[in-house]
Amino acid sequence: MSESTNVEQSYLQWKVILQIAEKLNSEGIPYHFDASTSLFVHGIDIEMDDVDISIQWDTFQEVHKLFPMYGPTSIVHKGGCHQFHVDLNGVDIHFLSSENMVDLSSHS
């Protein structure tokens, strides 16, 4: 990937991250960015394949219903986690949760 393409992709990812965060915050949904996305939002220059967001378990079904316009996939259970994806402006957003994610708001 060329440097200008990388910069454009990073800009697009930032826009999408801010848009998703604004929506989750406005709905009072406890969440945190996970995996490489956590590094990215803390200023580490890293290429991401997708945006990973962990959602508090008791709000996971609600989050799945928040983004109908982006064609959420069905929720699947994989490797101890429940997860689904949406595509927002060409950026793959990966939402995940597990029954152990019960109090994310106390960790922010």
N, C-alpha and C. Protein backbone atom coordinates (compact mmCIF):
# COMPACT_ATOMS: atom_id res chain seq x y z
N MET A 1 0.85 -1.17 0.00
CA MET A 1 0.00 0.00 0.00
C MET A 1 0.90 1.24 0.00
N SER A 2 0.62 2.19 -0.88
CA SER A 2 1.43 3.40 -0.93
C SER A 2 1.18 4.26 0.30
N GLU A 3 2.11 5.17 0.55
CA GLU A 3 1.98 6.03 1.73
C GLU A 3 0.72 6.87 1.68
N SER A 4 0.38 7.43 0.50
CA SER A 4 -0.83 8.26 0.41
C SER A 4 -2.09 7.42 0.61
N THR A 5 -2.09 6.18 0.09
CA THR A 5 -3.24 5.29 0.30
C THR A 5 -3.36 4.93 1.77
N ASN A 6 -2.23 4.70 2.43
CA ASN A 6 -2.21 4.38 3.86
C ASN A 6 -2.77 5.54 4.67
N VAL A 7 -2.39 6.76 4.33
CA VAL A 7 -2.89 7.95 5.03
C VAL A 7 -4.39 8.10 4.81
N GLU A 8 -4.84 7.88 3.58
CA GLU A 8 -6.28 7.96 3.29
C GLU A 8 -7.06 6.91 4.06
N GLN A 9 -6.52 5.68 4.14
CA GLN A 9 -7.18 4.61 4.87
C GLN A 9 -7.23 4.94 6.36
N SER A 10 -6.15 5.47 6.91
CA SER A 10 -6.13 5.86 8.32
C SER A 10 -7.16 6.94 8.60
N TYR A 11 -7.26 7.92 7.70
CA TYR A 11 -8.25 8.99 7.86
C TYR A 11 -9.66 8.43 7.86
N LEU A 12 -9.94 7.53 6.91
CA LEU A 12 -11.25 6.91 6.83
C LEU A 12 -11.55 6.10 8.08
N GLN A 13 -10.56 5.35 8.57
CA GLN A 13 -10.75 4.57 9.79
C GLN A 13 -11.05 5.48 10.98
N TRP A 14 -10.34 6.60 11.08
CA TRP A 14 -10.61 7.55 12.17
C TRP A 14 -12.04 8.07 12.10
N LYS A 15 -12.47 8.44 10.90
CA LYS A 15 -13.84 8.93 10.72
C LYS A 15 -14.86 7.91 11.19
N VAL A 16 -14.66 6.66 10.79
CA VAL A 16 -15.58 5.59 11.15
C VAL A 16 -15.54 5.33 12.66
N ILE A 17 -14.35 5.29 13.24
CA ILE A 17 -14.22 5.07 14.69
C ILE A 17 -14.96 6.15 15.45
N LEU A 18 -14.79 7.41 15.05
CA LEU A 18 -15.47 8.50 15.74
C LEU A 18 -16.99 8.42 15.56
N GLN A 19 -17.43 8.02 14.38
CA GLN A 19 -18.87 7.88 14.12
C GLN A 19 -19.47 6.77 14.99
N ILE A 20 -18.81 5.63 15.07
CA ILE A 20 -19.30 4.52 15.89
C ILE A 20 -19.27 4.90 17.37
N ALA A 21 -18.17 5.51 17.81
CA ALA A 21 -18.06 5.92 19.21
C ALA A 21 -19.15 6.92 19.59
N GLU A 22 -19.43 7.87 18.71
CA GLU A 22 -20.48 8.85 18.97
C GLU A 22 -21.83 8.16 19.15
N LYS A 23 -22.13 7.19 18.29
CA LYS A 23 -23.39 6.48 18.38
C LYS A 23 -23.48 5.66 19.67
N LEU A 24 -22.42 4.92 19.99
CA LEU A 24 -22.43 4.11 21.21
C LEU A 24 -22.52 5.00 22.45
N ASN A 25 -21.79 6.10 22.47
CA ASN A 25 -21.85 7.03 23.61
C ASN A 25 -23.23 7.63 23.76
N SER A 26 -23.85 8.03 22.64
CA SER A 26 -25.18 8.65 22.72
C SER A 26 -26.23 7.67 23.22
N GLU A 27 -26.00 6.37 23.01
CA GLU A 27 -26.93 5.34 23.46
C GLU A 27 -26.58 4.80 24.85
N GLY A 28 -25.48 5.30 25.42
CA GLY A 28 -25.05 4.84 26.75
C GLY A 28 -24.54 3.41 26.77
N ILE A 29 -23.95 2.97 25.67
CA ILE A 29 -23.46 1.59 25.55
C ILE A 29 -22.01 1.52 26.05
N PRO A 30 -21.75 0.70 27.07
CA PRO A 30 -20.36 0.49 27.51
C PRO A 30 -19.59 -0.34 26.48
N TYR A 31 -18.40 0.13 26.11
CA TYR A 31 -17.58 -0.53 25.09
C TYR A 31 -16.13 -0.14 25.28
N HIS A 32 -15.26 -0.83 24.61
CA HIS A 32 -13.88 -0.39 24.44
C HIS A 32 -13.35 -0.90 23.12
N PHE A 33 -12.37 -0.19 22.59
CA PHE A 33 -11.72 -0.63 21.37
C PHE A 33 -10.74 -1.72 21.74
N ASP A 34 -10.60 -2.69 20.85
CA ASP A 34 -9.86 -3.90 21.16
C ASP A 34 -8.79 -4.15 20.10
N ALA A 35 -7.85 -5.01 20.44
CA ALA A 35 -6.81 -5.49 19.53
C ALA A 35 -6.06 -4.31 18.88
N SER A 36 -5.79 -4.38 17.58
CA SER A 36 -5.01 -3.33 16.92
C SER A 36 -5.72 -1.98 16.96
N THR A 37 -7.05 -1.99 17.06
CA THR A 37 -7.79 -0.73 17.13
C THR A 37 -7.45 0.04 18.39
N SER A 38 -7.22 -0.67 19.49
CA SER A 38 -6.82 -0.02 20.74
C SER A 38 -5.49 0.71 20.56
N LEU A 39 -4.56 0.07 19.89
CA LEU A 39 -3.27 0.72 19.62
C LEU A 39 -3.46 1.93 18.72
N PHE A 40 -4.27 1.78 17.68
CA PHE A 40 -4.53 2.85 16.72
C PHE A 40 -5.11 4.09 17.40
N VAL A 41 -6.13 3.91 18.25
CA VAL A 41 -6.76 5.07 18.89
C VAL A 41 -5.84 5.72 19.92
N HIS A 42 -4.80 5.00 20.34
CA HIS A 42 -3.82 5.59 21.27
C HIS A 42 -2.61 6.16 20.55
N GLY A 43 -2.72 6.27 19.21
CA GLY A 43 -1.68 6.97 18.45
C GLY A 43 -0.56 6.12 17.89
N ILE A 44 -0.67 4.81 18.02
CA ILE A 44 0.36 3.94 17.43
C ILE A 44 0.08 3.81 15.94
N ASP A 45 1.07 4.04 15.12
CA ASP A 45 0.93 3.94 13.67
C ASP A 45 0.91 2.46 13.29
N ILE A 46 -0.29 1.94 13.06
CA ILE A 46 -0.46 0.52 12.78
C ILE A 46 -1.51 0.36 11.69
N GLU A 47 -1.28 -0.58 10.78
CA GLU A 47 -2.29 -0.88 9.76
C GLU A 47 -3.30 -1.84 10.36
N MET A 48 -4.57 -1.56 10.14
CA MET A 48 -5.65 -2.40 10.66
C MET A 48 -6.42 -3.02 9.51
N ASP A 49 -6.78 -4.30 9.68
CA ASP A 49 -7.66 -4.95 8.71
C ASP A 49 -9.11 -4.62 8.98
N ASP A 50 -9.43 -4.38 10.26
CA ASP A 50 -10.79 -4.06 10.67
C ASP A 50 -10.73 -3.24 11.95
N VAL A 51 -11.88 -2.78 12.38
CA VAL A 51 -12.01 -2.04 13.64
C VAL A 51 -12.69 -2.99 14.62
N ASP A 52 -12.02 -3.27 15.73
CA ASP A 52 -12.53 -4.20 16.73
C ASP A 52 -13.09 -3.44 17.93
N ILE A 53 -14.34 -3.75 18.28
CA ILE A 53 -15.00 -3.08 19.40
C ILE A 53 -15.64 -4.13 20.30
N SER A 54 -15.24 -4.15 21.56
CA SER A 54 -15.85 -5.04 22.55
C SER A 54 -17.01 -4.31 23.21
N ILE A 55 -18.13 -5.02 23.31
CA ILE A 55 -19.37 -4.46 23.84
C ILE A 55 -19.74 -5.20 25.11
N GLN A 56 -20.23 -4.46 26.10
CA GLN A 56 -20.71 -5.10 27.33
C GLN A 56 -21.83 -6.09 26.98
N TRP A 57 -21.79 -7.26 27.60
CA TRP A 57 -22.68 -8.37 27.25
C TRP A 57 -24.16 -8.01 27.27
N ASP A 58 -24.62 -7.33 28.30
CA ASP A 58 -26.06 -7.08 28.42
C ASP A 58 -26.59 -6.05 27.41
N THR A 59 -25.71 -5.45 26.62
CA THR A 59 -26.14 -4.49 25.60
C THR A 59 -25.83 -4.98 24.18
N PHE A 60 -25.26 -6.17 24.06
CA PHE A 60 -24.80 -6.66 22.75
C PHE A 60 -25.93 -6.78 21.73
N GLN A 61 -27.05 -7.35 22.13
CA GLN A 61 -28.20 -7.47 21.21
C GLN A 61 -28.70 -6.09 20.78
N GLU A 62 -28.70 -5.15 21.71
CA GLU A 62 -29.12 -3.78 21.40
C GLU A 62 -28.21 -3.15 20.35
N VAL A 63 -26.91 -3.35 20.50
CA VAL A 63 -25.94 -2.80 19.53
C VAL A 63 -26.17 -3.42 18.15
N HIS A 64 -26.47 -4.68 18.11
CA HIS A 64 -26.73 -5.34 16.82
C HIS A 64 -27.87 -4.65 16.08
N LYS A 65 -28.83 -4.12 16.82
CA LYS A 65 -29.99 -3.46 16.22
C LYS A 65 -29.73 -1.98 15.89
N LEU A 66 -28.62 -1.41 16.36
CA LEU A 66 -28.33 0.01 16.16
C LEU A 66 -27.89 0.37 14.74
N PHE A 67 -27.42 -0.59 13.99
CA PHE A 67 -26.79 -0.29 12.71
C PHE A 67 -27.44 -1.03 11.54
N PRO A 68 -28.78 -1.02 11.43
CA PRO A 68 -29.43 -1.78 10.34
C PRO A 68 -29.05 -1.26 8.96
N MET A 69 -28.74 0.03 8.86
CA MET A 69 -28.40 0.61 7.56
C MET A 69 -27.05 0.15 7.02
N TYR A 70 -26.24 -0.52 7.85
CA TYR A 70 -24.93 -1.00 7.42
C TYR A 70 -24.90 -2.51 7.25
N GLY A 71 -26.08 -3.14 7.23
CA GLY A 71 -26.18 -4.56 6.95
C GLY A 71 -25.43 -5.46 7.92
N PRO A 72 -25.77 -5.40 9.20
CA PRO A 72 -25.05 -6.26 10.15
C PRO A 72 -25.22 -7.74 9.80
N THR A 73 -24.13 -8.47 9.95
CA THR A 73 -24.21 -9.92 9.77
C THR A 73 -24.99 -10.51 10.93
N SER A 74 -25.35 -11.76 10.80
CA SER A 74 -25.97 -12.46 11.92
C SER A 74 -24.95 -12.58 13.05
N ILE A 75 -25.43 -12.65 14.27
CA ILE A 75 -24.54 -12.88 15.40
C ILE A 75 -24.12 -14.34 15.39
N VAL A 76 -22.82 -14.56 15.48
CA VAL A 76 -22.30 -15.93 15.55
C VAL A 76 -21.50 -16.11 16.83
N HIS A 77 -21.44 -17.34 17.30
CA HIS A 77 -20.65 -17.69 18.47
C HIS A 77 -19.39 -18.37 17.97
N LYS A 78 -18.25 -17.80 18.32
CA LYS A 78 -16.98 -18.33 17.82
C LYS A 78 -15.90 -18.10 18.86
N GLY A 79 -15.24 -19.16 19.27
CA GLY A 79 -14.11 -19.04 20.20
C GLY A 79 -14.46 -18.40 21.52
N GLY A 80 -15.64 -18.67 22.06
CA GLY A 80 -16.04 -18.10 23.35
C GLY A 80 -16.63 -16.71 23.27
N CYS A 81 -16.69 -16.16 22.07
CA CYS A 81 -17.25 -14.81 21.89
C CYS A 81 -18.45 -14.85 20.95
N HIS A 82 -19.32 -13.90 21.14
CA HIS A 82 -20.41 -13.64 20.20
C HIS A 82 -19.96 -12.44 19.38
N GLN A 83 -20.20 -12.48 18.08
CA GLN A 83 -19.69 -11.41 17.23
C GLN A 83 -20.55 -11.20 16.00
N PHE A 84 -20.44 -9.99 15.46
CA PHE A 84 -21.04 -9.67 14.18
C PHE A 84 -20.23 -8.56 13.54
N HIS A 85 -20.44 -8.36 12.26
CA HIS A 85 -19.71 -7.33 11.50
C HIS A 85 -20.69 -6.40 10.82
N VAL A 86 -20.25 -5.17 10.59
CA VAL A 86 -20.94 -4.25 9.69
C VAL A 86 -19.87 -3.63 8.79
N ASP A 87 -20.29 -3.17 7.64
CA ASP A 87 -19.39 -2.47 6.73
C ASP A 87 -19.83 -1.02 6.68
N LEU A 88 -18.99 -0.13 7.15
CA LEU A 88 -19.31 1.29 7.17
C LEU A 88 -18.30 2.01 6.29
N ASN A 89 -18.75 2.46 5.13
CA ASN A 89 -17.89 3.18 4.17
C ASN A 89 -16.65 2.38 3.80
N GLY A 90 -16.80 1.07 3.65
CA GLY A 90 -15.67 0.23 3.26
C GLY A 90 -14.78 -0.22 4.40
N VAL A 91 -15.11 0.17 5.63
CA VAL A 91 -14.34 -0.26 6.79
C VAL A 91 -15.13 -1.36 7.50
N ASP A 92 -14.48 -2.51 7.72
CA ASP A 92 -15.10 -3.63 8.41
C ASP A 92 -15.08 -3.36 9.91
N ILE A 93 -16.26 -3.27 10.50
CA ILE A 93 -16.38 -3.05 11.94
C ILE A 93 -16.76 -4.39 12.56
N HIS A 94 -15.97 -4.84 13.52
CA HIS A 94 -16.14 -6.14 14.16
C HIS A 94 -16.55 -5.89 15.62
N PHE A 95 -17.81 -6.20 15.92
CA PHE A 95 -18.32 -6.08 17.28
C PHE A 95 -18.25 -7.44 17.95
N LEU A 96 -17.77 -7.49 19.17
CA LEU A 96 -17.71 -8.76 19.88
C LEU A 96 -18.04 -8.58 21.35
N SER A 97 -18.47 -9.69 21.95
CA SER A 97 -18.78 -9.70 23.38
C SER A 97 -18.75 -11.14 23.86
N SER A 98 -18.73 -11.30 25.17
CA SER A 98 -18.88 -12.61 25.79
C SER A 98 -19.65 -12.42 27.09
N GLU A 99 -20.12 -13.51 27.62
CA GLU A 99 -20.90 -13.45 28.85
C GLU A 99 -20.07 -12.93 30.02
N ASN A 100 -18.74 -12.90 29.87
CA ASN A 100 -17.85 -12.39 30.93
C ASN A 100 -17.67 -10.88 30.88
N MET A 101 -18.11 -10.23 29.82
CA MET A 101 -17.97 -8.77 29.69
C MET A 101 -19.17 -8.11 30.34
N VAL A 102 -19.11 -7.96 31.66
CA VAL A 102 -20.30 -7.51 32.38
C VAL A 102 -20.21 -6.10 32.93
N ASP A 103 -19.04 -5.49 33.00
CA ASP A 103 -18.95 -4.16 33.58
C ASP A 103 -17.85 -3.35 32.92
N LEU A 104 -17.97 -3.13 31.62
CA LEU A 104 -16.95 -2.37 30.90
C LEU A 104 -16.91 -0.90 31.32
N SER A 105 -18.03 -0.36 31.78
CA SER A 105 -18.05 1.07 32.14
C SER A 105 -17.13 1.37 33.32
N SER A 106 -16.87 0.41 34.18
CA SER A 106 -16.00 0.67 35.32
C SER A 106 -14.52 0.63 34.93
N HIS A 107 -14.23 0.22 33.70
CA HIS A 107 -12.84 0.09 33.26
C HIS A 107 -12.42 1.22 32.31
N SER A 108 -13.29 2.17 32.07
CA SER A 108 -12.95 3.21 31.09
C SER A 108 -12.19 4.35 31.72
